[in-house]
C-alpha atoms as a PDB file:
ATOM      1  CA  UNK A   1       8.589 -12.410 -18.127  1.00  0.00           C
ATOM      2  CA  UNK A   2       8.155 -15.675 -16.288  1.00  0.00           C
ATOM      3  CA  UNK A   3       6.285 -14.262 -13.304  1.00  0.00           C
ATOM      4  CA  UNK A   4       4.538 -17.508 -12.351  1.00  0.00           C
ATOM      5  CA  UNK A   5       7.860 -19.298 -11.808  1.00  0.00           C
ATOM      6  CA  UNK A   6       9.328 -16.453  -9.745  1.00  0.00           C
ATOM      7  CA  UNK A   7       6.297 -15.586  -7.599  1.00  0.00           C
ATOM      8  CA  UNK A   8       7.483 -17.895  -4.812  1.00  0.00           C
ATOM      9  CA  UNK A   9      10.699 -15.902  -4.267  1.00  0.00           C
ATOM     10  CA  UNK A  10      11.062 -14.128  -0.905  1.00  0.00           C
ATOM     11  CA  UNK A  11       9.002 -10.953  -0.728  1.00  0.00           C
ATOM     12  CA  UNK A  12      10.093  -7.982   1.387  1.00  0.00           C
ATOM     13  CA  UNK A  13       9.577  -4.267   1.688  1.00  0.00           C
ATOM     14  CA  UNK A  14      12.384  -1.721   1.865  1.00  0.00           C
ATOM     15  CA  UNK A  15      12.663   2.067   1.798  1.00  0.00           C
ATOM     16  CA  UNK A  16      12.866   3.490  -1.696  1.00  0.00           C
ATOM     17  CA  UNK A  17      16.483   4.331  -2.529  1.00  0.00           C
ATOM     18  CA  UNK A  18      17.645   5.725  -5.891  1.00  0.00           C
ATOM     19  CA  UNK A  19      17.928   2.393  -7.791  1.00  0.00           C
ATOM     20  CA  UNK A  20      14.618   1.155  -6.385  1.00  0.00           C
ATOM     21  CA  UNK A  21      12.978   4.490  -7.218  1.00  0.00           C
ATOM     22  CA  UNK A  22      14.007   4.107 -10.849  1.00  0.00           C
ATOM     23  CA  UNK A  23      12.444   0.642 -10.948  1.00  0.00           C
ATOM     24  CA  UNK A  24       9.313   1.852  -9.129  1.00  0.00           C
ATOM     25  CA  UNK A  25       8.814   4.633 -11.691  1.00  0.00           C
ATOM     26  CA  UNK A  26       8.679   1.943 -14.383  1.00  0.00           C
ATOM     27  CA  UNK A  27       5.870  -0.022 -12.705  1.00  0.00           C
ATOM     28  CA  UNK A  28       2.742  -0.366 -14.832  1.00  0.00           C
ATOM     29  CA  UNK A  29      -0.843  -0.796 -13.698  1.00  0.00           C
ATOM     30  CA  UNK A  30      -3.967  -1.478 -15.690  1.00  0.00           C
ATOM     31  CA  UNK A  31      -5.516   1.755 -16.969  1.00  0.00           C
ATOM     32  CA  UNK A  32      -8.662   1.151 -14.879  1.00  0.00           C
ATOM     33  CA  UNK A  33      -6.517   1.137 -11.725  1.00  0.00           C
ATOM     34  CA  UNK A  34      -5.071   4.583 -12.348  1.00  0.00           C
ATOM     35  CA  UNK A  35      -8.431   6.151 -11.440  1.00  0.00           C
ATOM     36  CA  UNK A  36      -8.003   4.715  -7.944  1.00  0.00           C
ATOM     37  CA  UNK A  37      -4.251   4.610  -7.334  1.00  0.00           C
ATOM     38  CA  UNK A  38      -2.837   6.990  -9.932  1.00  0.00           C
ATOM     39  CA  UNK A  39       0.186   6.399 -12.131  1.00  0.00           C
ATOM     40  CA  UNK A  40       3.100   4.784 -10.269  1.00  0.00           C
ATOM     41  CA  UNK A  41       5.716   7.163 -11.725  1.00  0.00           C
ATOM     42  CA  UNK A  42       3.691  10.182 -10.575  1.00  0.00           C
ATOM     43  CA  UNK A  43       3.168   8.664  -7.114  1.00  0.00           C
ATOM     44  CA  UNK A  44       6.880   7.879  -6.746  1.00  0.00           C
ATOM     45  CA  UNK A  45       7.831  11.451  -7.656  1.00  0.00           C
ATOM     46  CA  UNK A  46       5.308  12.930  -5.233  1.00  0.00           C
ATOM     47  CA  UNK A  47       6.453  10.623  -2.438  1.00  0.00           C
ATOM     48  CA  UNK A  48      10.125  11.430  -2.998  1.00  0.00           C
ATOM     49  CA  UNK A  49       9.340  15.151  -2.931  1.00  0.00           C
ATOM     50  CA  UNK A  50       7.417  14.891   0.350  1.00  0.00           C
ATOM     51  CA  UNK A  51       9.839  14.849   3.290  1.00  0.00           C
ATOM     52  CA  UNK A  52       7.020  13.805   5.619  1.00  0.00           C
ATOM     53  CA  UNK A  53       6.250  10.486   3.950  1.00  0.00           C
ATOM     54  CA  UNK A  54       8.121   7.236   3.647  1.00  0.00           C
ATOM     55  CA  UNK A  55       8.196   5.785   0.119  1.00  0.00           C
ATOM     56  CA  UNK A  56       8.560   1.998   0.108  1.00  0.00           C
ATOM     57  CA  UNK A  57       9.402  -0.631  -2.506  1.00  0.00           C
ATOM     58  CA  UNK A  58       7.929  -4.122  -2.640  1.00  0.00           C
ATOM     59  CA  UNK A  59      10.629  -6.550  -3.753  1.00  0.00           C
ATOM     60  CA  UNK A  60      10.224 -10.105  -4.940  1.00  0.00           C
ATOM     61  CA  UNK A  61      13.717 -11.444  -4.626  1.00  0.00           C
ATOM     62  CA  UNK A  62      15.656  -8.462  -5.975  1.00  0.00           C
ATOM     63  CA  UNK A  63      12.947  -7.288  -8.409  1.00  0.00           C
ATOM     64  CA  UNK A  64      10.834  -4.243  -7.557  1.00  0.00           C
ATOM     65  CA  UNK A  65       7.272  -5.416  -8.176  1.00  0.00           C
ATOM     66  CA  UNK A  66       5.374  -2.760  -6.224  1.00  0.00           C
ATOM     67  CA  UNK A  67       5.349   0.536  -4.417  1.00  0.00           C
ATOM     68  CA  UNK A  68       3.478   2.294  -1.613  1.00  0.00           C
ATOM     69  CA  UNK A  69       3.895   5.274   0.629  1.00  0.00           C
ATOM     70  CA  UNK A  70       3.372   5.681   4.342  1.00  0.00           C
ATOM     71  CA  UNK A  71       2.205   9.045   5.604  1.00  0.00           C
ATOM     72  CA  UNK A  72       2.032  10.174   9.224  1.00  0.00           C
ATOM     73  CA  UNK A  73      -1.328  11.345  10.435  1.00  0.00           C
ATOM     74  CA  UNK A  74      -4.516   9.563   9.641  1.00  0.00           C
ATOM     75  CA  UNK A  75      -6.146  12.840   8.627  1.00  0.00           C
ATOM     76  CA  UNK A  76      -4.981  11.954   5.133  1.00  0.00           C
ATOM     77  CA  UNK A  77      -7.410   9.051   5.020  1.00  0.00           C
ATOM     78  CA  UNK A  78      -9.943   9.629   7.812  1.00  0.00           C
ATOM     79  CA  UNK A  79     -12.414  12.334   8.669  1.00  0.00           C
ATOM     80  CA  UNK A  80     -12.560  11.129  12.261  1.00  0.00           C
ATOM     81  CA  UNK A  81     -10.043  11.337  15.090  1.00  0.00           C
ATOM     82  CA  UNK A  82      -7.710   8.360  15.094  1.00  0.00           C
ATOM     83  CA  UNK A  83      -4.859   7.538  17.470  1.00  0.00           C
ATOM     84  CA  UNK A  84      -1.654   9.509  17.027  1.00  0.00           C
ATOM     85  CA  UNK A  85       0.282   6.316  16.224  1.00  0.00           C
ATOM     86  CA  UNK A  86      -1.664   5.850  12.971  1.00  0.00           C
ATOM     87  CA  UNK A  87      -0.075   5.847   9.538  1.00  0.00           C
ATOM     88  CA  UNK A  88      -1.836   6.272   6.223  1.00  0.00           C
ATOM     89  CA  UNK A  89      -1.057   3.729   3.501  1.00  0.00           C
ATOM     90  CA  UNK A  90      -1.338   5.389   0.121  1.00  0.00           C
ATOM     91  CA  UNK A  91      -0.612   4.735  -3.563  1.00  0.00           C
ATOM     92  CA  UNK A  92      -0.190   0.960  -3.155  1.00  0.00           C
ATOM     93  CA  UNK A  93       0.369  -0.638  -6.540  1.00  0.00           C
ATOM     94  CA  UNK A  94       1.770  -3.865  -7.899  1.00  0.00           C
ATOM     95  CA  UNK A  95       3.014  -4.039 -11.459  1.00  0.00           C
ATOM     96  CA  UNK A  96       0.346  -5.560 -13.694  1.00  0.00           C
ATOM     97  CA  UNK A  97       2.670  -8.438 -14.670  1.00  0.00           C
ATOM     98  CA  UNK A  98       2.763  -9.490 -11.006  1.00  0.00           C
ATOM     99  CA  UNK A  99      -0.928  -9.186 -10.159  1.00  0.00           C
ATOM    100  CA  UNK A 100      -3.158 -12.186  -9.526  1.00  0.00           C
ATOM    101  CA  UNK A 101      -0.356 -14.251  -7.950  1.00  0.00           C
ATOM    102  CA  UNK A 102      -1.111 -13.584  -4.279  1.00  0.00           C
ATOM    103  CA  UNK A 103       1.645 -10.986  -3.966  1.00  0.00           C
ATOM    104  CA  UNK A 104      -0.690  -8.218  -2.800  1.00  0.00           C
ATOM    105  CA  UNK A 105      -1.573 -10.045   0.390  1.00  0.00           C
ATOM    106  CA  UNK A 106       2.082 -10.996   0.920  1.00  0.00           C
ATOM    107  CA  UNK A 107       3.074  -7.352   0.421  1.00  0.00           C
ATOM    108  CA  UNK A 108       0.532  -6.182   3.003  1.00  0.00           C
ATOM    109  CA  UNK A 109       1.794  -8.791   5.478  1.00  0.00           C
ATOM    110  CA  UNK A 110       5.389  -7.664   4.860  1.00  0.00           C
ATOM    111  CA  UNK A 111       4.391  -4.014   5.289  1.00  0.00           C
ATOM    112  CA  UNK A 112       2.662  -4.683   8.600  1.00  0.00           C
ATOM    113  CA  UNK A 113       5.484  -6.877   9.877  1.00  0.00           C
ATOM    114  CA  UNK A 114       7.993  -4.161   8.963  1.00  0.00           C
ATOM    115  CA  UNK A 115       5.944  -1.533  10.808  1.00  0.00           C
ATOM    116  CA  UNK A 116       5.593  -3.800  13.829  1.00  0.00           C
ATOM    117  CA  UNK A 117       9.325  -4.541  13.999  1.00  0.00           C
ATOM    118  CA  UNK A 118      10.192  -0.872  13.779  1.00  0.00           C
ATOM    119  CA  UNK A 119       7.499   0.193  16.245  1.00  0.00           C
ATOM    120  CA  UNK A 120       6.457   2.627  13.542  1.00  0.00           C
ATOM    121  CA  UNK A 121       2.687   2.548  14.088  1.00  0.00           C
ATOM    122  CA  UNK A 122      -0.099   0.919  16.031  1.00  0.00           C
ATOM    123  CA  UNK A 123      -2.747   1.413  13.364  1.00  0.00           C
ATOM    124  CA  UNK A 124      -2.631   1.548   9.573  1.00  0.00           C
ATOM    125  CA  UNK A 125      -5.415   3.249   7.626  1.00  0.00           C
ATOM    126  CA  UNK A 126      -6.268   3.448   3.946  1.00  0.00           C
ATOM    127  CA  UNK A 127      -9.096   4.419   1.646  1.00  0.00           C
ATOM    128  CA  UNK A 128     -10.520   2.093  -0.988  1.00  0.00           C
ATOM    129  CA  UNK A 129     -13.014   3.094  -3.645  1.00  0.00           C
ATOM    130  CA  UNK A 130     -16.298   1.232  -3.189  1.00  0.00           C
ATOM    131  CA  UNK A 131     -16.179  -0.095  -6.753  1.00  0.00           C
ATOM    132  CA  UNK A 132     -12.622  -1.425  -6.417  1.00  0.00           C
ATOM    133  CA  UNK A 133     -13.696  -4.933  -5.449  1.00  0.00           C
ATOM    134  CA  UNK A 134     -10.275  -6.526  -6.010  1.00  0.00           C
ATOM    135  CA  UNK A 135      -8.625  -4.045  -3.623  1.00  0.00           C
ATOM    136  CA  UNK A 136     -11.365  -4.497  -1.033  1.00  0.00           C
ATOM    137  CA  UNK A 137     -10.830  -8.282  -1.152  1.00  0.00           C
ATOM    138  CA  UNK A 138      -7.066  -7.835  -0.870  1.00  0.00           C
ATOM    139  CA  UNK A 139      -7.158  -5.518   2.127  1.00  0.00           C
ATOM    140  CA  UNK A 140      -9.867  -7.425   3.979  1.00  0.00           C
ATOM    141  CA  UNK A 141      -7.929 -10.635   3.396  1.00  0.00           C
ATOM    142  CA  UNK A 142      -4.846  -8.907   4.819  1.00  0.00           C
ATOM    143  CA  UNK A 143      -6.600  -8.101   8.096  1.00  0.00           C
ATOM    144  CA  UNK A 144      -8.014  -4.641   7.420  1.00  0.00           C
ATOM    145  CA  UNK A 145     -11.512  -3.976   8.725  1.00  0.00           C
ATOM    146  CA  UNK A 146     -14.081  -1.517   7.485  1.00  0.00           C
ATOM    147  CA  UNK A 147     -14.402   1.396   9.911  1.00  0.00           C
ATOM    148  CA  UNK A 148     -17.909   2.179   8.694  1.00  0.00           C
ATOM    149  CA  UNK A 149     -16.769   5.614   7.554  1.00  0.00           C
ATOM    150  CA  UNK A 150     -17.259   6.682   3.961  1.00  0.00           C
ATOM    151  CA  UNK A 151     -14.832   9.276   2.706  1.00  0.00           C
ATOM    152  CA  UNK A 152     -16.419  11.435   0.018  1.00  0.00           C
ATOM    153  CA  UNK A 153     -14.742  13.586  -2.577  1.00  0.00           C
ATOM    154  CA  UNK A 154     -11.625  13.251  -4.577  1.00  0.00           C
ATOM    155  CA  UNK A 155     -11.452  12.217  -8.187  1.00  0.00           C
ATOM    156  CA  UNK A 156     -12.193   8.554  -7.418  1.00  0.00           C
ATOM    157  CA  UNK A 157     -15.498   9.072  -5.613  1.00  0.00           C
ATOM    158  CA  UNK A 158     -16.742   7.503  -2.359  1.00  0.00           C
ATOM    159  CA  UNK A 159     -14.241   5.376  -0.498  1.00  0.00           C
ATOM    160  CA  UNK A 160     -14.323   3.129   2.555  1.00  0.00           C
ATOM    161  CA  UNK A 161     -11.892   3.802   5.381  1.00  0.00           C
ATOM    162  CA  UNK A 162     -10.200   0.512   6.266  1.00  0.00           C
ATOM    163  CA  UNK A 163      -8.060   0.067   9.382  1.00  0.00           C
ATOM    164  CA  UNK A 164      -5.618  -2.584  10.545  1.00  0.00           C
ATOM    165  CA  UNK A 165      -4.004  -2.946  13.948  1.00  0.00           C
ATOM    166  CA  UNK A 166      -0.221  -3.271  13.946  1.00  0.00           C
ATOM    167  CA  UNK A 167       1.730  -4.977  16.668  1.00  0.00           C
ATOM    168  CA  UNK A 168       2.718  -8.275  18.212  1.00  0.00           C
ATOM    169  CA  UNK A 169      -0.834  -9.489  18.797  1.00  0.00           C
ATOM    170  CA  UNK A 170      -2.098  -8.254  15.428  1.00  0.00           C
ATOM    171  CA  UNK A 171       0.747  -9.832  13.461  1.00  0.00           C
ATOM    172  CA  UNK A 172       1.269 -13.085  15.382  1.00  0.00           C
END
């Protein structure tokens, strides 16, 4: 695959329909990443089975290069009260052939712009394992800030709760 030549194509996020779901199931991540984000195929299936979440595809041109899910209610990521208009970002993954090209930050910007345009949320929250330095750099570079809360438990171990404001002033 000639990913370096194609990485400048337009990047957008769209709801996961049947053809995109098939492509999202085929995404591959490095084995070390599965401890933090899980297997993409498993995450896609879980998201499609959960009527309360919104599975999303990250497209570069017409190619599905990533996946994430949006869940209502920050209780999925936080152990503190957060505003009602908060969504949880979960299971974000880019295919390993498309990593290291700056697409993660572009995908987060597209996600937040999409949420802003749709008036879908005012705050986006996610958990990142403390040892996942690449993800921490990505999310901080995309405007997420550390809440100071550590979320304990789960198979991945201690995680930081990161938050990002969504809206016209946050995304301008």
